[in-house]
Amino acid sequence: MGNCCGGESPKGFEGEGRTLGAQPATAPSQTGNARASAPPKISGPGRTLGKESDGASDAGAAAARAAEERRKASTQGKGKLGRQLDAERGQNQNSTLAQTARENVAARDADAATQVRNYN
């Protein structure tokens, strides 16, 4: 299918042809290595970012402090939904089933009251 708005090209390819894999006639000459040199390898022990510490006990203490800070941050500023989520997480299966049963009874009572009002 052709293009309905276009015209025919007057000629095909013009220029010298070459085979696949042949170098182009104007190939740039490669003088020197075109790659940038890689930085030298660093040998020796790695460094820890942040404050410098001397032992593994400091790392454990730092982890404990970080956990305590996360706990404090998680309890502050939760808002209404956060408090509701905490309350739901604190419930066991029996209290969850009892709450669901109370909600179902209330819904049935509301439906019965609606039917009584509609009957009269």
N, C-alpha and C. Protein backbone atom coordinates (compact mmCIF):
# COMPACT_ATOMS: atom_id res chain seq x y z
N MET A 1 0.85 -1.16 0.00
CA MET A 1 0.00 0.00 0.00
C MET A 1 0.89 1.23 0.00
N GLY A 2 0.51 2.21 -0.71
CA GLY A 2 1.33 3.40 -0.84
C GLY A 2 0.75 4.59 -0.10
N ASN A 3 1.45 5.66 -0.19
CA ASN A 3 1.03 6.89 0.42
C ASN A 3 0.17 7.63 -0.59
N CYS A 4 -1.04 8.00 -0.22
CA CYS A 4 -1.94 8.64 -1.18
C CYS A 4 -1.60 10.11 -1.41
N CYS A 5 -0.90 10.73 -0.50
CA CYS A 5 -0.60 12.16 -0.62
C CYS A 5 0.82 12.41 -1.14
N GLY A 6 1.64 11.45 -1.13
CA GLY A 6 3.02 11.64 -1.53
C GLY A 6 3.23 11.33 -3.00
N GLY A 7 4.38 11.73 -3.48
CA GLY A 7 4.71 11.42 -4.86
C GLY A 7 5.81 10.38 -4.91
N GLU A 8 6.12 9.97 -6.12
CA GLU A 8 7.20 9.00 -6.28
C GLU A 8 8.54 9.70 -6.15
N SER A 9 9.50 9.00 -5.57
CA SER A 9 10.83 9.59 -5.52
C SER A 9 11.45 9.46 -6.91
N PRO A 10 12.17 10.46 -7.34
CA PRO A 10 12.68 10.44 -8.71
C PRO A 10 13.70 9.34 -8.95
N LYS A 11 14.54 9.07 -7.97
CA LYS A 11 15.58 8.06 -8.16
C LYS A 11 15.72 7.26 -6.88
N GLY A 12 16.37 6.17 -6.99
CA GLY A 12 16.66 5.35 -5.83
C GLY A 12 17.87 5.86 -5.09
N PHE A 13 18.59 4.98 -4.49
CA PHE A 13 19.78 5.33 -3.72
C PHE A 13 20.85 5.87 -4.64
N GLU A 14 21.42 7.00 -4.24
CA GLU A 14 22.53 7.56 -4.99
C GLU A 14 23.77 7.53 -4.13
N GLY A 15 24.82 7.08 -4.62
CA GLY A 15 26.07 7.06 -3.90
C GLY A 15 26.78 5.74 -4.05
N GLU A 16 27.94 5.67 -3.45
CA GLU A 16 28.71 4.44 -3.54
C GLU A 16 28.15 3.42 -2.58
N GLY A 17 28.10 2.23 -3.01
CA GLY A 17 27.66 1.15 -2.15
C GLY A 17 28.85 0.45 -1.53
N ARG A 18 28.63 -0.23 -0.46
CA ARG A 18 29.70 -1.00 0.16
C ARG A 18 29.09 -2.24 0.78
N THR A 19 29.90 -3.22 1.01
CA THR A 19 29.40 -4.46 1.57
C THR A 19 29.28 -4.36 3.08
N LEU A 20 28.48 -5.22 3.59
CA LEU A 20 28.28 -5.25 5.04
C LEU A 20 29.58 -5.65 5.72
N GLY A 21 30.02 -4.93 6.68
CA GLY A 21 31.27 -5.24 7.37
C GLY A 21 32.46 -4.50 6.83
N ALA A 22 32.32 -3.81 5.70
CA ALA A 22 33.44 -3.05 5.15
C ALA A 22 33.53 -1.72 5.88
N GLN A 23 34.74 -1.19 6.00
CA GLN A 23 34.94 0.09 6.66
C GLN A 23 34.40 1.22 5.79
N PRO A 24 33.78 2.23 6.39
CA PRO A 24 33.33 3.37 5.58
C PRO A 24 34.53 4.12 5.02
N ALA A 25 34.29 4.84 3.94
CA ALA A 25 35.38 5.55 3.27
C ALA A 25 35.95 6.64 4.15
N THR A 26 35.15 7.22 5.00
CA THR A 26 35.61 8.30 5.86
C THR A 26 35.69 7.84 7.31
N ALA A 27 36.30 6.70 7.55
CA ALA A 27 36.41 6.16 8.91
C ALA A 27 37.38 7.00 9.72
N PRO A 28 37.03 7.36 10.94
CA PRO A 28 37.95 8.14 11.76
C PRO A 28 39.14 7.28 12.17
N SER A 29 40.29 7.87 12.15
CA SER A 29 41.47 7.11 12.54
C SER A 29 41.51 7.01 14.06
N GLN A 30 41.92 5.87 14.56
CA GLN A 30 41.97 5.66 16.00
C GLN A 30 43.39 5.91 16.48
N THR A 31 43.59 7.08 17.06
CA THR A 31 44.90 7.40 17.62
C THR A 31 44.78 7.31 19.13
N GLY A 32 45.48 6.42 19.73
CA GLY A 32 45.44 6.25 21.19
C GLY A 32 44.20 5.48 21.60
N ASN A 33 44.06 5.31 22.87
CA ASN A 33 42.92 4.58 23.41
C ASN A 33 41.78 5.55 23.65
N ALA A 34 40.61 5.26 23.10
CA ALA A 34 39.47 6.15 23.21
C ALA A 34 38.80 6.04 24.58
N ARG A 35 39.07 4.98 25.33
CA ARG A 35 38.45 4.79 26.64
C ARG A 35 39.16 5.62 27.69
N ALA A 36 38.40 6.04 28.66
CA ALA A 36 38.99 6.75 29.79
C ALA A 36 39.59 5.70 30.73
N SER A 37 40.66 6.06 31.38
CA SER A 37 41.28 5.10 32.27
C SER A 37 40.44 4.95 33.53
N ALA A 38 40.39 3.74 34.05
CA ALA A 38 39.61 3.45 35.25
C ALA A 38 40.36 3.95 36.47
N PRO A 39 39.63 4.35 37.51
CA PRO A 39 40.31 4.79 38.72
C PRO A 39 41.05 3.62 39.36
N PRO A 40 42.08 3.88 40.11
CA PRO A 40 42.84 2.78 40.71
C PRO A 40 42.00 2.05 41.77
N LYS A 41 42.27 0.77 41.91
CA LYS A 41 41.56 -0.04 42.90
C LYS A 41 42.01 0.37 44.29
N ILE A 42 41.07 0.41 45.22
CA ILE A 42 41.38 0.75 46.60
C ILE A 42 41.52 -0.55 47.37
N SER A 43 42.64 -0.70 48.04
CA SER A 43 42.83 -1.91 48.82
C SER A 43 42.76 -1.56 50.29
N GLY A 44 42.48 -2.53 51.10
CA GLY A 44 42.40 -2.31 52.54
C GLY A 44 40.97 -2.42 53.02
N PRO A 45 40.76 -2.23 54.32
CA PRO A 45 39.41 -2.39 54.87
C PRO A 45 38.51 -1.23 54.43
N GLY A 46 37.23 -1.49 54.38
CA GLY A 46 36.27 -0.46 54.00
C GLY A 46 36.04 0.50 55.14
N ARG A 47 35.38 1.58 54.84
CA ARG A 47 35.08 2.58 55.85
C ARG A 47 33.59 2.61 56.10
N THR A 48 33.20 2.89 57.33
CA THR A 48 31.81 3.02 57.70
C THR A 48 31.42 4.48 57.58
N LEU A 49 30.28 4.73 56.99
CA LEU A 49 29.81 6.10 56.85
C LEU A 49 29.21 6.57 58.16
N GLY A 50 29.24 7.83 58.39
CA GLY A 50 28.66 8.39 59.61
C GLY A 50 29.70 8.51 60.68
N LYS A 51 29.24 8.39 61.93
CA LYS A 51 30.15 8.52 63.05
C LYS A 51 31.12 7.34 63.08
N GLU A 52 32.33 7.63 63.51
CA GLU A 52 33.31 6.56 63.59
C GLU A 52 33.13 5.82 64.91
N SER A 53 33.17 4.50 64.85
CA SER A 53 33.04 3.69 66.06
C SER A 53 34.17 2.69 66.09
N ASP A 54 34.48 2.20 67.31
CA ASP A 54 35.63 1.34 67.47
C ASP A 54 35.28 -0.14 67.58
N GLY A 55 34.06 -0.50 67.93
CA GLY A 55 33.80 -1.91 68.13
C GLY A 55 32.40 -2.32 67.76
N ALA A 56 32.16 -3.65 67.87
CA ALA A 56 30.86 -4.20 67.53
C ALA A 56 29.82 -3.84 68.59
N SER A 57 30.25 -3.63 69.85
CA SER A 57 29.31 -3.28 70.89
C SER A 57 28.69 -1.92 70.60
N ASP A 58 29.47 -1.01 70.01
CA ASP A 58 28.93 0.29 69.65
C ASP A 58 27.85 0.14 68.57
N ALA A 59 28.05 -0.80 67.66
CA ALA A 59 27.06 -1.02 66.62
C ALA A 59 25.76 -1.54 67.22
N GLY A 60 25.86 -2.42 68.20
CA GLY A 60 24.67 -2.94 68.88
C GLY A 60 23.94 -1.85 69.64
N ALA A 61 24.71 -0.99 70.30
CA ALA A 61 24.11 0.12 71.04
C ALA A 61 23.44 1.09 70.08
N ALA A 62 24.08 1.33 68.95
CA ALA A 62 23.50 2.23 67.96
C ALA A 62 22.21 1.64 67.39
N ALA A 63 22.18 0.34 67.17
CA ALA A 63 20.97 -0.31 66.66
C ALA A 63 19.84 -0.22 67.69
N ALA A 64 20.19 -0.38 68.96
CA ALA A 64 19.19 -0.28 70.01
C ALA A 64 18.63 1.14 70.09
N ARG A 65 19.52 2.14 69.98
CA ARG A 65 19.06 3.53 70.02
C ARG A 65 18.16 3.83 68.83
N ALA A 66 18.52 3.32 67.65
CA ALA A 66 17.72 3.56 66.46
C ALA A 66 16.34 2.91 66.58
N ALA A 67 16.30 1.70 67.14
CA ALA A 67 15.03 1.01 67.33
C ALA A 67 14.14 1.77 68.32
N GLU A 68 14.75 2.29 69.37
CA GLU A 68 13.99 3.07 70.35
C GLU A 68 13.43 4.35 69.72
N GLU A 69 14.22 5.01 68.90
CA GLU A 69 13.76 6.22 68.22
C GLU A 69 12.62 5.90 67.26
N ARG A 70 12.71 4.77 66.55
CA ARG A 70 11.62 4.39 65.64
C ARG A 70 10.35 4.10 66.42
N ARG A 71 10.49 3.45 67.58
CA ARG A 71 9.31 3.14 68.40
C ARG A 71 8.65 4.42 68.89
N LYS A 72 9.45 5.37 69.34
CA LYS A 72 8.90 6.63 69.81
C LYS A 72 8.22 7.39 68.68
N ALA A 73 8.84 7.37 67.51
CA ALA A 73 8.27 8.09 66.38
C ALA A 73 6.98 7.43 65.91
N SER A 74 6.87 6.12 66.05
CA SER A 74 5.68 5.43 65.57
C SER A 74 4.48 5.67 66.48
N THR A 75 4.71 5.99 67.76
CA THR A 75 3.59 6.19 68.68
C THR A 75 3.10 7.63 68.66
N GLN A 76 3.88 8.53 68.13
CA GLN A 76 3.49 9.94 68.12
C GLN A 76 2.81 10.30 66.82
N GLY A 77 1.74 11.06 66.92
CA GLY A 77 1.12 11.63 65.74
C GLY A 77 0.45 10.63 64.82
N LYS A 78 -0.10 9.56 65.35
CA LYS A 78 -0.74 8.58 64.49
C LYS A 78 -2.10 9.05 64.02
N GLY A 79 -2.79 9.77 64.83
CA GLY A 79 -4.12 10.22 64.45
C GLY A 79 -5.16 9.15 64.71
N LYS A 80 -6.36 9.42 64.25
CA LYS A 80 -7.49 8.54 64.52
C LYS A 80 -7.32 7.17 63.88
N LEU A 81 -6.91 7.14 62.62
CA LEU A 81 -6.79 5.86 61.92
C LEU A 81 -5.67 5.00 62.51
N GLY A 82 -4.57 5.63 62.89
CA GLY A 82 -3.48 4.88 63.51
C GLY A 82 -3.90 4.26 64.83
N ARG A 83 -4.66 4.99 65.61
CA ARG A 83 -5.14 4.44 66.89
C ARG A 83 -6.12 3.30 66.65
N GLN A 84 -6.98 3.44 65.62
CA GLN A 84 -7.91 2.35 65.31
C GLN A 84 -7.16 1.11 64.85
N LEU A 85 -6.13 1.30 64.07
CA LEU A 85 -5.35 0.16 63.60
C LEU A 85 -4.67 -0.54 64.76
N ASP A 86 -4.11 0.22 65.69
CA ASP A 86 -3.49 -0.38 66.86
C ASP A 86 -4.51 -1.15 67.69
N ALA A 87 -5.72 -0.61 67.81
CA ALA A 87 -6.76 -1.30 68.57
C ALA A 87 -7.14 -2.61 67.89
N GLU A 88 -7.23 -2.61 66.56
CA GLU A 88 -7.56 -3.84 65.84
C GLU A 88 -6.45 -4.87 65.96
N ARG A 89 -5.21 -4.41 65.94
CA ARG A 89 -4.10 -5.36 66.07
C ARG A 89 -4.06 -5.98 67.45
N GLY A 90 -4.54 -5.23 68.45
CA GLY A 90 -4.51 -5.73 69.82
C GLY A 90 -5.61 -6.71 70.14
N GLN A 91 -6.60 -6.84 69.28
CA GLN A 91 -7.72 -7.75 69.56
C GLN A 91 -7.32 -9.19 69.25
N ASN A 92 -7.90 -10.10 70.02
CA ASN A 92 -7.70 -11.51 69.70
C ASN A 92 -8.92 -12.00 68.90
N GLN A 93 -8.95 -13.25 68.56
CA GLN A 93 -10.00 -13.78 67.69
C GLN A 93 -11.36 -13.71 68.37
N ASN A 94 -11.43 -14.03 69.67
CA ASN A 94 -12.72 -14.04 70.36
C ASN A 94 -13.32 -12.64 70.42
N SER A 95 -12.51 -11.64 70.72
CA SER A 95 -13.06 -10.29 70.79
C SER A 95 -13.47 -9.79 69.41
N THR A 96 -12.75 -10.21 68.37
CA THR A 96 -13.12 -9.84 67.01
C THR A 96 -14.45 -10.46 66.61
N LEU A 97 -14.64 -11.74 66.95
CA LEU A 97 -15.91 -12.41 66.64
C LEU A 97 -17.06 -11.80 67.43
N ALA A 98 -16.82 -11.43 68.69
CA ALA A 98 -17.87 -10.82 69.50
C ALA A 98 -18.27 -9.46 68.93
N GLN A 99 -17.30 -8.68 68.50
CA GLN A 99 -17.59 -7.38 67.89
C GLN A 99 -18.41 -7.56 66.61
N THR A 100 -18.05 -8.52 65.78
CA THR A 100 -18.78 -8.78 64.54
C THR A 100 -20.21 -9.21 64.84
N ALA A 101 -20.39 -10.06 65.87
CA ALA A 101 -21.73 -10.50 66.24
C ALA A 101 -22.58 -9.32 66.71
N ARG A 102 -22.00 -8.41 67.51
CA ARG A 102 -22.75 -7.23 67.96
C ARG A 102 -23.17 -6.37 66.76
N GLU A 103 -22.29 -6.20 65.80
CA GLU A 103 -22.62 -5.40 64.62
C GLU A 103 -23.74 -6.06 63.81
N ASN A 104 -23.72 -7.38 63.69
CA ASN A 104 -24.75 -8.09 62.94
C ASN A 104 -26.10 -7.97 63.64
N VAL A 105 -26.12 -8.08 64.98
CA VAL A 105 -27.37 -7.94 65.73
C VAL A 105 -27.92 -6.53 65.56
N ALA A 106 -27.07 -5.54 65.62
CA ALA A 106 -27.53 -4.16 65.45
C ALA A 106 -28.10 -3.95 64.05
N ALA A 107 -27.50 -4.54 63.04
CA ALA A 107 -28.00 -4.41 61.68
C ALA A 107 -29.36 -5.09 61.54
N ARG A 108 -29.53 -6.28 62.15
CA ARG A 108 -30.83 -6.96 62.10
C ARG A 108 -31.91 -6.16 62.81
N ASP A 109 -31.55 -5.57 63.96
CA ASP A 109 -32.53 -4.74 64.69
C ASP A 109 -32.94 -3.54 63.86
N ALA A 110 -31.99 -2.91 63.18
CA ALA A 110 -32.32 -1.76 62.35
C ALA A 110 -33.21 -2.17 61.19
N ASP A 111 -32.95 -3.34 60.59
CA ASP A 111 -33.78 -3.82 59.49
C ASP A 111 -35.19 -4.13 59.97
N ALA A 112 -35.31 -4.71 61.16
CA ALA A 112 -36.63 -5.02 61.72
C ALA A 112 -37.40 -3.73 62.00
N ALA A 113 -36.74 -2.73 62.55
CA ALA A 113 -37.40 -1.45 62.83
C ALA A 113 -37.86 -0.80 61.53
N THR A 114 -37.09 -0.91 60.48
CA THR A 114 -37.47 -0.35 59.18
C THR A 114 -38.71 -1.05 58.64
N GLN A 115 -38.76 -2.37 58.78
CA GLN A 115 -39.92 -3.11 58.30
C GLN A 115 -41.17 -2.73 59.07
N VAL A 116 -41.05 -2.52 60.39
CA VAL A 116 -42.20 -2.13 61.21
C VAL A 116 -42.70 -0.76 60.78
N ARG A 117 -41.80 0.17 60.54
CA ARG A 117 -42.20 1.51 60.12
C ARG A 117 -42.88 1.45 58.75
N ASN A 118 -42.38 0.67 57.85
CA ASN A 118 -42.96 0.56 56.51
C ASN A 118 -44.30 -0.15 56.53
N TYR A 119 -44.56 -1.02 57.49
CA TYR A 119 -45.81 -1.77 57.55
C TYR A 119 -46.96 -0.86 57.95
N ASN A 120 -46.70 0.06 58.85
CA ASN A 120 -47.77 0.95 59.34
C ASN A 120 -48.08 2.01 58.39
